[in-house]
PDB file of N, CA and C in Angstrom:
ATOM      1  N   SER A   1       9.035  -7.904   6.745  1.00  0.00           N
ATOM      2  CA  SER A   1       9.562  -8.665   7.869  1.00  0.00           C
ATOM      3  C   SER A   1      10.999  -8.253   8.185  1.00  0.00           C
ATOM      4  N   ALA A   2      11.721  -7.808   7.162  1.00  0.00           N
ATOM      5  CA  ALA A   2      13.095  -7.372   7.405  1.00  0.00           C
ATOM      6  C   ALA A   2      13.113  -6.099   8.256  1.00  0.00           C
ATOM      7  N   SER A   3      12.207  -5.186   7.987  1.00  0.00           N
ATOM      8  CA  SER A   3      12.184  -3.963   8.784  1.00  0.00           C
ATOM      9  C   SER A   3      11.712  -4.251  10.208  1.00  0.00           C
ATOM     10  N   LEU A   4      10.790  -5.195  10.374  1.00  0.00           N
ATOM     11  CA  LEU A   4      10.363  -5.580  11.713  1.00  0.00           C
ATOM     12  C   LEU A   4      11.514  -6.220  12.484  1.00  0.00           C
ATOM     13  N   LEU A   5      12.287  -7.076  11.821  1.00  0.00           N
ATOM     14  CA  LEU A   5      13.463  -7.681  12.447  1.00  0.00           C
ATOM     15  C   LEU A   5      14.493  -6.609  12.808  1.00  0.00           C
ATOM     16  N   PHE A   6      14.665  -5.627  11.954  1.00  0.00           N
ATOM     17  CA  PHE A   6      15.585  -4.518  12.227  1.00  0.00           C
ATOM     18  C   PHE A   6      15.179  -3.778  13.509  1.00  0.00           C
ATOM     19  N   ILE A   7      13.899  -3.498  13.652  1.00  0.00           N
ATOM     20  CA  ILE A   7      13.426  -2.793  14.840  1.00  0.00           C
ATOM     21  C   ILE A   7      13.602  -3.648  16.088  1.00  0.00           C
ATOM     22  N   ILE A   8      13.276  -4.935  15.992  1.00  0.00           N
ATOM     23  CA  ILE A   8      13.414  -5.828  17.148  1.00  0.00           C
ATOM     24  C   ILE A   8      14.872  -5.933  17.577  1.00  0.00           C
ATOM     25  N   LEU A   9      15.776  -6.116  16.621  1.00  0.00           N
ATOM     26  CA  LEU A   9      17.190  -6.240  16.963  1.00  0.00           C
ATOM     27  C   LEU A   9      17.750  -4.935  17.523  1.00  0.00           C
ATOM     28  N   THR A  10      17.251  -3.818  17.044  1.00  0.00           N
ATOM     29  CA  THR A  10      17.705  -2.530  17.560  1.00  0.00           C
ATOM     30  C   THR A  10      17.200  -2.295  18.971  1.00  0.00           C
ATOM     31  N   LYS A  11      15.936  -2.585  19.202  1.00  0.00           N
ATOM     32  CA  LYS A  11      15.357  -2.347  20.526  1.00  0.00           C
ATOM     33  C   LYS A  11      15.908  -3.314  21.577  1.00  0.00           C
ATOM     34  N   THR A  12      16.281  -4.525  21.185  1.00  0.00           N
ATOM     35  CA  THR A  12      16.853  -5.471  22.151  1.00  0.00           C
ATOM     36  C   THR A  12      18.321  -5.206  22.416  1.00  0.00           C
ATOM     37  N   GLY A  13      18.964  -4.375  21.615  1.00  0.00           N
ATOM     38  CA  GLY A  13      20.352  -4.028  21.847  1.00  0.00           C
ATOM     39  C   GLY A  13      21.345  -4.839  21.041  1.00  0.00           C
ATOM     40  N   VAL A  14      20.871  -5.742  20.194  1.00  0.00           N
ATOM     41  CA  VAL A  14      21.789  -6.527  19.357  1.00  0.00           C
ATOM     42  C   VAL A  14      22.465  -5.603  18.343  1.00  0.00           C
ATOM     43  N   LEU A  15      21.694  -4.731  17.733  1.00  0.00           N
ATOM     44  CA  LEU A  15      22.257  -3.704  16.846  1.00  0.00           C
ATOM     45  C   LEU A  15      22.360  -2.418  17.645  1.00  0.00           C
ATOM     46  N   LYS A  16      23.540  -1.910  17.811  1.00  0.00           N
ATOM     47  CA  LYS A  16      23.742  -0.706  18.614  1.00  0.00           C
ATOM     48  C   LYS A  16      23.905   0.492  17.677  1.00  0.00           C
ATOM     49  N   ILE A  17      22.785   1.060  17.296  1.00  0.00           N
ATOM     50  CA  ILE A  17      22.811   2.210  16.393  1.00  0.00           C
ATOM     51  C   ILE A  17      22.121   3.419  17.004  1.00  0.00           C
ATOM     52  N   GLU A  18      21.804   3.368  18.280  1.00  0.00           N
ATOM     53  CA  GLU A  18      21.052   4.450  18.903  1.00  0.00           C
ATOM     54  C   GLU A  18      21.781   5.796  18.840  1.00  0.00           C
ATOM     55  N   HIS A  19      23.089   5.781  18.926  1.00  0.00           N
ATOM     56  CA  HIS A  19      23.830   7.033  18.949  1.00  0.00           C
ATOM     57  C   HIS A  19      24.514   7.331  17.620  1.00  0.00           C
ATOM     58  N   MET A  20      24.222   6.534  16.618  1.00  0.00           N
ATOM     59  CA  MET A  20      24.826   6.758  15.305  1.00  0.00           C
ATOM     60  C   MET A  20      23.956   7.732  14.512  1.00  0.00           C
ATOM     61  N   VAL A  21      24.587   8.607  13.785  1.00  0.00           N
ATOM     62  CA  VAL A  21      23.880   9.557  12.939  1.00  0.00           C
ATOM     63  C   VAL A  21      24.363   9.352  11.515  1.00  0.00           C
ATOM     64  N   TYR A  22      23.423   9.216  10.624  1.00  0.00           N
ATOM     65  CA  TYR A  22      23.737   9.066   9.209  1.00  0.00           C
ATOM     66  C   TYR A  22      23.374  10.363   8.506  1.00  0.00           C
ATOM     67  N   TYR A  23      24.114  10.658   7.474  1.00  0.00           N
ATOM     68  CA  TYR A  23      23.870  11.876   6.727  1.00  0.00           C
ATOM     69  C   TYR A  23      23.409  11.533   5.325  1.00  0.00           C
ATOM     70  N   THR A  24      22.385  12.257   4.870  1.00  0.00           N
ATOM     71  CA  THR A  24      21.882  12.066   3.514  1.00  0.00           C
ATOM     72  C   THR A  24      22.012  13.380   2.767  1.00  0.00           C
ATOM     73  N   TYR A  25      22.174  13.261   1.493  1.00  0.00           N
ATOM     74  CA  TYR A  25      22.260  14.436   0.643  1.00  0.00           C
ATOM     75  C   TYR A  25      20.964  14.531  -0.149  1.00  0.00           C
ATOM     76  N   ARG A  26      20.155  15.548   0.169  1.00  0.00           N
ATOM     77  CA  ARG A  26      18.915  15.755  -0.564  1.00  0.00           C
ATOM     78  C   ARG A  26      18.588  17.240  -0.573  1.00  0.00           C
ATOM     79  N   CYS A  27      17.954  17.648  -1.593  1.00  0.00           N
ATOM     80  CA  CYS A  27      17.515  19.050  -1.758  1.00  0.00           C
ATOM     81  C   CYS A  27      18.670  20.038  -1.611  1.00  0.00           C
ATOM     82  N   GLY A  28      19.824  19.671  -2.095  1.00  0.00           N
ATOM     83  CA  GLY A  28      20.947  20.586  -2.104  1.00  0.00           C
ATOM     84  C   GLY A  28      21.672  20.743  -0.787  1.00  0.00           C
ATOM     85  N   GLY A  29      21.422  19.894   0.193  1.00  0.00           N
ATOM     86  CA  GLY A  29      22.103  20.013   1.470  1.00  0.00           C
ATOM     87  C   GLY A  29      22.297  18.669   2.131  1.00  0.00           C
ATOM     88  N   ILE A  30      23.091  18.666   3.175  1.00  0.00           N
ATOM     89  CA  ILE A  30      23.343  17.440   3.926  1.00  0.00           C
ATOM     90  C   ILE A  30      22.517  17.499   5.200  1.00  0.00           C
ATOM     91  N   HIS A  31      21.718  16.461   5.421  1.00  0.00           N
ATOM     92  CA  HIS A  31      20.813  16.421   6.569  1.00  0.00           C
ATOM     93  C   HIS A  31      21.093  15.177   7.397  1.00  0.00           C
ATOM     94  N   ALA A  32      20.990  15.330   8.717  1.00  0.00           N
ATOM     95  CA  ALA A  32      21.157  14.186   9.604  1.00  0.00           C
ATOM     96  C   ALA A  32      19.886  13.343   9.579  1.00  0.00           C
ATOM     97  N   THR A  33      20.049  12.050   9.579  1.00  0.00           N
ATOM     98  CA  THR A  33      18.905  11.147   9.574  1.00  0.00           C
ATOM     99  C   THR A  33      19.178   9.972  10.500  1.00  0.00           C
ATOM    100  N   HIS A  34      18.150   9.275  10.860  1.00  0.00           N
ATOM    101  CA  HIS A  34      18.252   8.114  11.729  1.00  0.00           C
ATOM    102  C   HIS A  34      17.814   6.890  10.927  1.00  0.00           C
ATOM    103  N   PRO A  35      18.363   5.723  11.184  1.00  0.00           N
ATOM    104  CA  PRO A  35      17.957   4.532  10.414  1.00  0.00           C
ATOM    105  C   PRO A  35      16.469   4.220  10.504  1.00  0.00           C
ATOM    106  N   PHE A  36      15.810   4.603  11.604  1.00  0.00           N
ATOM    107  CA  PHE A  36      14.375   4.355  11.698  1.00  0.00           C
ATOM    108  C   PHE A  36      13.586   5.178  10.692  1.00  0.00           C
ATOM    109  N   ASP A  37      14.135   6.294  10.237  1.00  0.00           N
ATOM    110  CA  ASP A  37      13.441   7.107   9.238  1.00  0.00           C
ATOM    111  C   ASP A  37      13.204   6.316   7.957  1.00  0.00           C
ATOM    112  N   SER A  38      14.199   5.551   7.539  1.00  0.00           N
ATOM    113  CA  SER A  38      14.030   4.768   6.323  1.00  0.00           C
ATOM    114  C   SER A  38      13.004   3.663   6.519  1.00  0.00           C
ATOM    115  N   VAL A  39      12.955   3.077   7.705  1.00  0.00           N
ATOM    116  CA  VAL A  39      11.967   2.039   7.981  1.00  0.00           C
ATOM    117  C   VAL A  39      10.566   2.628   7.926  1.00  0.00           C
ATOM    118  N   ILE A  40      10.390   3.809   8.475  1.00  0.00           N
ATOM    119  CA  ILE A  40       9.079   4.461   8.452  1.00  0.00           C
ATOM    120  C   ILE A  40       8.663   4.753   7.014  1.00  0.00           C
ATOM    121  N   LYS A  41       9.592   5.209   6.188  1.00  0.00           N
ATOM    122  CA  LYS A  41       9.263   5.482   4.795  1.00  0.00           C
ATOM    123  C   LYS A  41       8.897   4.197   4.056  1.00  0.00           C
ATOM    124  N   ILE A  42       9.615   3.113   4.321  1.00  0.00           N
ATOM    125  CA  ILE A  42       9.298   1.843   3.678  1.00  0.00           C
ATOM    126  C   ILE A  42       7.887   1.410   4.050  1.00  0.00           C
ATOM    127  N   TRP A  43       7.535   1.510   5.306  1.00  0.00           N
ATOM    128  CA  TRP A  43       6.182   1.120   5.731  1.00  0.00           C
ATOM    129  C   TRP A  43       5.125   2.040   5.147  1.00  0.00           C
ATOM    130  N   HIS A  44       5.441   3.323   5.043  1.00  0.00           N
ATOM    131  CA  HIS A  44       4.483   4.275   4.482  1.00  0.00           C
ATOM    132  C   HIS A  44       4.174   3.913   3.030  1.00  0.00           C
ATOM    133  N   TYR A  45       5.196   3.635   2.246  1.00  0.00           N
ATOM    134  CA  TYR A  45       4.970   3.318   0.838  1.00  0.00           C
ATOM    135  C   TYR A  45       4.248   1.988   0.661  1.00  0.00           C
ATOM    136  N   SER A  46       4.521   1.015   1.518  1.00  0.00           N
ATOM    137  CA  SER A  46       3.819  -0.261   1.381  1.00  0.00           C
ATOM    138  C   SER A  46       2.353  -0.137   1.770  1.00  0.00           C
ATOM    139  N   VAL A  47       2.045   0.672   2.768  1.00  0.00           N
ATOM    140  CA  VAL A  47       0.645   0.896   3.141  1.00  0.00           C
ATOM    141  C   VAL A  47      -0.086   1.627   2.026  1.00  0.00           C
ATOM    142  N   CYS A  48       0.563   2.610   1.425  1.00  0.00           N
ATOM    143  CA  CYS A  48      -0.053   3.319   0.298  1.00  0.00           C
ATOM    144  C   CYS A  48      -0.280   2.373  -0.874  1.00  0.00           C
ATOM    145  N   SER A  49       0.664   1.498  -1.143  1.00  0.00           N
ATOM    146  CA  SER A  49       0.513   0.541  -2.235  1.00  0.00           C
ATOM    147  C   SER A  49      -0.650  -0.403  -1.969  1.00  0.00           C
ATOM    148  N   LEU A  50      -0.786  -0.862  -0.736  1.00  0.00           N
ATOM    149  CA  LEU A  50      -1.908  -1.737  -0.404  1.00  0.00           C
ATOM    150  C   LEU A  50      -3.238  -1.006  -0.578  1.00  0.00           C
ATOM    151  N   TRP A  51      -3.277   0.261  -0.216  1.00  0.00           N
ATOM    152  CA  TRP A  51      -4.498   1.035  -0.398  1.00  0.00           C
ATOM    153  C   TRP A  51      -4.857   1.148  -1.875  1.00  0.00           C
ATOM    154  N   PHE A  52      -3.861   1.409  -2.733  1.00  0.00           N
ATOM    155  CA  PHE A  52      -4.141   1.531  -4.159  1.00  0.00           C
ATOM    156  C   PHE A  52      -4.605   0.202  -4.757  1.00  0.00           C
ATOM    157  N   ILE A  53      -4.048  -0.900  -4.289  1.00  0.00           N
ATOM    158  CA  ILE A  53      -4.480  -2.216  -4.762  1.00  0.00           C
ATOM    159  C   ILE A  53      -5.928  -2.453  -4.343  1.00  0.00           C
ATOM    160  N   LEU A  54      -6.266  -2.172  -3.096  1.00  0.00           N
ATOM    161  CA  LEU A  54      -7.631  -2.349  -2.621  1.00  0.00           C
ATOM    162  C   LEU A  54      -8.599  -1.450  -3.384  1.00  0.00           C
ATOM    163  N   TYR A  55      -8.206  -0.224  -3.620  1.00  0.00           N
ATOM    164  CA  TYR A  55      -9.039   0.719  -4.374  1.00  0.00           C
ATOM    165  C   TYR A  55      -9.291   0.199  -5.784  1.00  0.00           C
ATOM    166  N   SER A  56      -8.276  -0.329  -6.441  1.00  0.00           N
ATOM    167  CA  SER A  56      -8.427  -0.869  -7.787  1.00  0.00           C
ATOM    168  C   SER A  56      -9.357  -2.072  -7.796  1.00  0.00           C
ATOM    169  N   LEU A  57      -9.238  -2.935  -6.785  1.00  0.00           N
ATOM    170  CA  LEU A  57     -10.125  -4.096  -6.706  1.00  0.00           C
ATOM    171  C   LEU A  57     -11.579  -3.674  -6.490  1.00  0.00           C
ATOM    172  N   ILE A  58     -11.803  -2.658  -5.687  1.00  0.00           N
ATOM    173  CA  ILE A  58     -13.170  -2.166  -5.473  1.00  0.00           C
ATOM    174  C   ILE A  58     -13.752  -1.635  -6.774  1.00  0.00           C
ATOM    175  N   ILE A  59     -12.980  -0.875  -7.518  1.00  0.00           N
ATOM    176  CA  ILE A  59     -13.433  -0.360  -8.817  1.00  0.00           C
ATOM    177  C   ILE A  59     -13.745  -1.524  -9.760  1.00  0.00           C
ATOM    178  N   LEU A  60     -12.900  -2.544  -9.782  1.00  0.00           N
ATOM    179  CA  LEU A  60     -13.117  -3.714 -10.631  1.00  0.00           C
ATOM    180  C   LEU A  60     -14.403  -4.439 -10.243  1.00  0.00           C
ATOM    181  N   TRP A  61     -14.627  -4.637  -8.943  1.00  0.00           N
ATOM    182  CA  TRP A  61     -15.833  -5.334  -8.485  1.00  0.00           C
ATOM    183  C   TRP A  61     -17.092  -4.536  -8.802  1.00  0.00           C
ATOM    184  N   ILE A  62     -17.037  -3.229  -8.679  1.00  0.00           N
ATOM    185  CA  ILE A  62     -18.195  -2.394  -9.025  1.00  0.00           C
ATOM    186  C   ILE A  62     -18.481  -2.514 -10.522  1.00  0.00           C
ATOM    187  N   GLY A  63     -17.440  -2.506 -11.348  1.00  0.00           N
ATOM    188  CA  GLY A  63     -17.618  -2.664 -12.787  1.00  0.00           C
ATOM    189  C   GLY A  63     -18.206  -4.024 -13.142  1.00  0.00           C
ATOM    190  N   ASN A  64     -17.728  -5.083 -12.493  1.00  0.00           N
ATOM    191  CA  ASN A  64     -18.275  -6.416 -12.744  1.00  0.00           C
ATOM    192  C   ASN A  64     -19.735  -6.508 -12.318  1.00  0.00           C
ATOM    193  N   ALA A  65     -20.074  -5.924 -11.178  1.00  0.00           N
ATOM    194  CA  ALA A  65     -21.464  -5.927 -10.706  1.00  0.00           C
ATOM    195  C   ALA A  65     -22.354  -5.147 -11.667  1.00  0.00           C
ATOM    196  N   TYR A  66     -21.867  -4.042 -12.185  1.00  0.00           N
ATOM    197  CA  TYR A  66     -22.635  -3.245 -13.145  1.00  0.00           C
ATOM    198  C   TYR A  66     -22.887  -4.036 -14.422  1.00  0.00           C
ATOM    199  N   ARG A  67     -21.850  -4.699 -14.955  1.00  0.00           N
ATOM    200  CA  ARG A  67     -22.029  -5.495 -16.175  1.00  0.00           C
ATOM    201  C   ARG A  67     -22.984  -6.665 -15.950  1.00  0.00           C
ATOM    202  N   TRP A  68     -22.886  -7.302 -14.781  1.00  0.00           N
ATOM    203  CA  TRP A  68     -23.774  -8.422 -14.474  1.00  0.00           C
ATOM    204  C   TRP A  68     -25.222  -7.948 -14.384  1.00  0.00           C
ATOM    205  N   LEU A  69     -25.441  -6.833 -13.690  1.00  0.00           N
ATOM    206  CA  LEU A  69     -26.785  -6.291 -13.541  1.00  0.00           C
ATOM    207  C   LEU A  69     -27.348  -5.846 -14.887  1.00  0.00           C
ATOM    208  N   LYS A  70     -26.530  -5.218 -15.698  1.00  0.00           N
ATOM    209  CA  LYS A  70     -26.963  -4.775 -17.026  1.00  0.00           C
ATOM    210  C   LYS A  70     -27.348  -5.974 -17.885  1.00  0.00           C
ATOM    211  N   GLY A  71     -26.568  -7.060 -17.810  1.00  0.00           N
ATOM    212  CA  GLY A  71     -26.895  -8.274 -18.557  1.00  0.00           C
ATOM    213  C   GLY A  71     -28.208  -8.888 -18.101  1.00  0.00           C
ATOM    214  N   LYS A  72     -28.459  -8.912 -16.803  1.00  0.00           N
ATOM    215  CA  LYS A  72     -29.714  -9.460 -16.275  1.00  0.00           C
ATOM    216  C   LYS A  72     -30.909  -8.631 -16.726  1.00  0.00           C
ATOM    217  N   ILE A  73     -30.762  -7.303 -16.714  1.00  0.00           N
ATOM    218  CA  ILE A  73     -31.861  -6.426 -17.120  1.00  0.00           C
ATOM    219  C   ILE A  73     -32.158  -6.597 -18.603  1.00  0.00           C
ATOM    220  N   THR A  74     -31.133  -6.615 -19.444  1.00  0.00           N
ATOM    221  CA  THR A  74     -31.375  -6.778 -20.888  1.00  0.00           C
ATOM    222  C   THR A  74     -31.923  -8.168 -21.186  1.00  0.00           C
ATOM    223  N   GLN A  75     -31.527  -9.169 -20.433  1.00  0.00           N
ATOM    224  CA  GLN A  75     -32.062 -10.513 -20.630  1.00  0.00           C
ATOM    225  C   GLN A  75     -33.535 -10.548 -20.245  1.00  0.00           C
ATOM    226  N   ARG A  76     -33.914  -9.889 -19.172  1.00  0.00           N
ATOM    227  CA  ARG A  76     -35.315  -9.845 -18.755  1.00  0.00           C
ATOM    228  C   ARG A  76     -36.155  -9.084 -19.762  1.00  0.00           C
ATOM    229  N   ILE A  77     -35.616  -7.991 -20.316  1.00  0.00           N
ATOM    230  CA  ILE A  77     -36.345  -7.219 -21.321  1.00  0.00           C
ATOM    231  C   ILE A  77     -36.541  -8.056 -22.584  1.00  0.00           C
ATOM    232  N   ALA A  78     -35.505  -8.821 -22.967  1.00  0.00           N
ATOM    233  CA  ALA A  78     -35.617  -9.657 -24.163  1.00  0.00           C
ATOM    234  C   ALA A  78     -36.664 -10.762 -23.962  1.00  0.00           C
ATOM    235  N   ILE A  79     -36.754 -11.327 -22.783  1.00  0.00           N
ATOM    236  CA  ILE A  79     -37.745 -12.367 -22.497  1.00  0.00           C
ATOM    237  C   ILE A  79     -39.144 -11.765 -22.517  1.00  0.00           C
ATOM    238  N   GLN A  80     -39.324 -10.546 -22.008  1.00  0.00           N
ATOM    239  CA  GLN A  80     -40.638  -9.914 -22.002  1.00  0.00           C
ATOM    240  C   GLN A  80     -41.098  -9.558 -23.415  1.00  0.00           C
ATOM    241  N   LYS A  81     -40.176  -9.200 -24.295  1.00  0.00           N
ATOM    242  CA  LYS A  81     -40.534  -8.859 -25.677  1.00  0.00           C
ATOM    243  C   LYS A  81     -40.992 -10.109 -26.423  1.00  0.00           C
ATOM    244  N   CYS A  82     -40.421 -11.269 -26.094  1.00  0.00           N
ATOM    245  CA  CYS A  82     -40.805 -12.498 -26.758  1.00  0.00           C
ATOM    246  C   CYS A  82     -42.203 -12.947 -26.335  1.00  0.00           C
ATOM    247  N   ASP A  83     -42.632 -12.591 -25.138  1.00  0.00           N
ATOM    248  CA  ASP A  83     -43.957 -13.011 -24.657  1.00  0.00           C
ATOM    249  C   ASP A  83     -44.990 -12.144 -25.247  1.00  0.00           C
TER     250      ASP A  83
END
């Protein structure tokens, strides 16, 4: 929500950073960057994190379904052996 507020305030003109250039030091050199670049990176990492969480939950649900199905099958086999 902070990055969304940043974009809204910038686009409405409350924050006047359109002509400002920030410099970052990376990979052995100084590069010009814009404040929106950091917002895009923040959103990229949060979307990736959400994907990994969803992927982990899917793996967990598949494992639970497999254990449940395996338990039902072994229970049915045990009941048939008793008959």
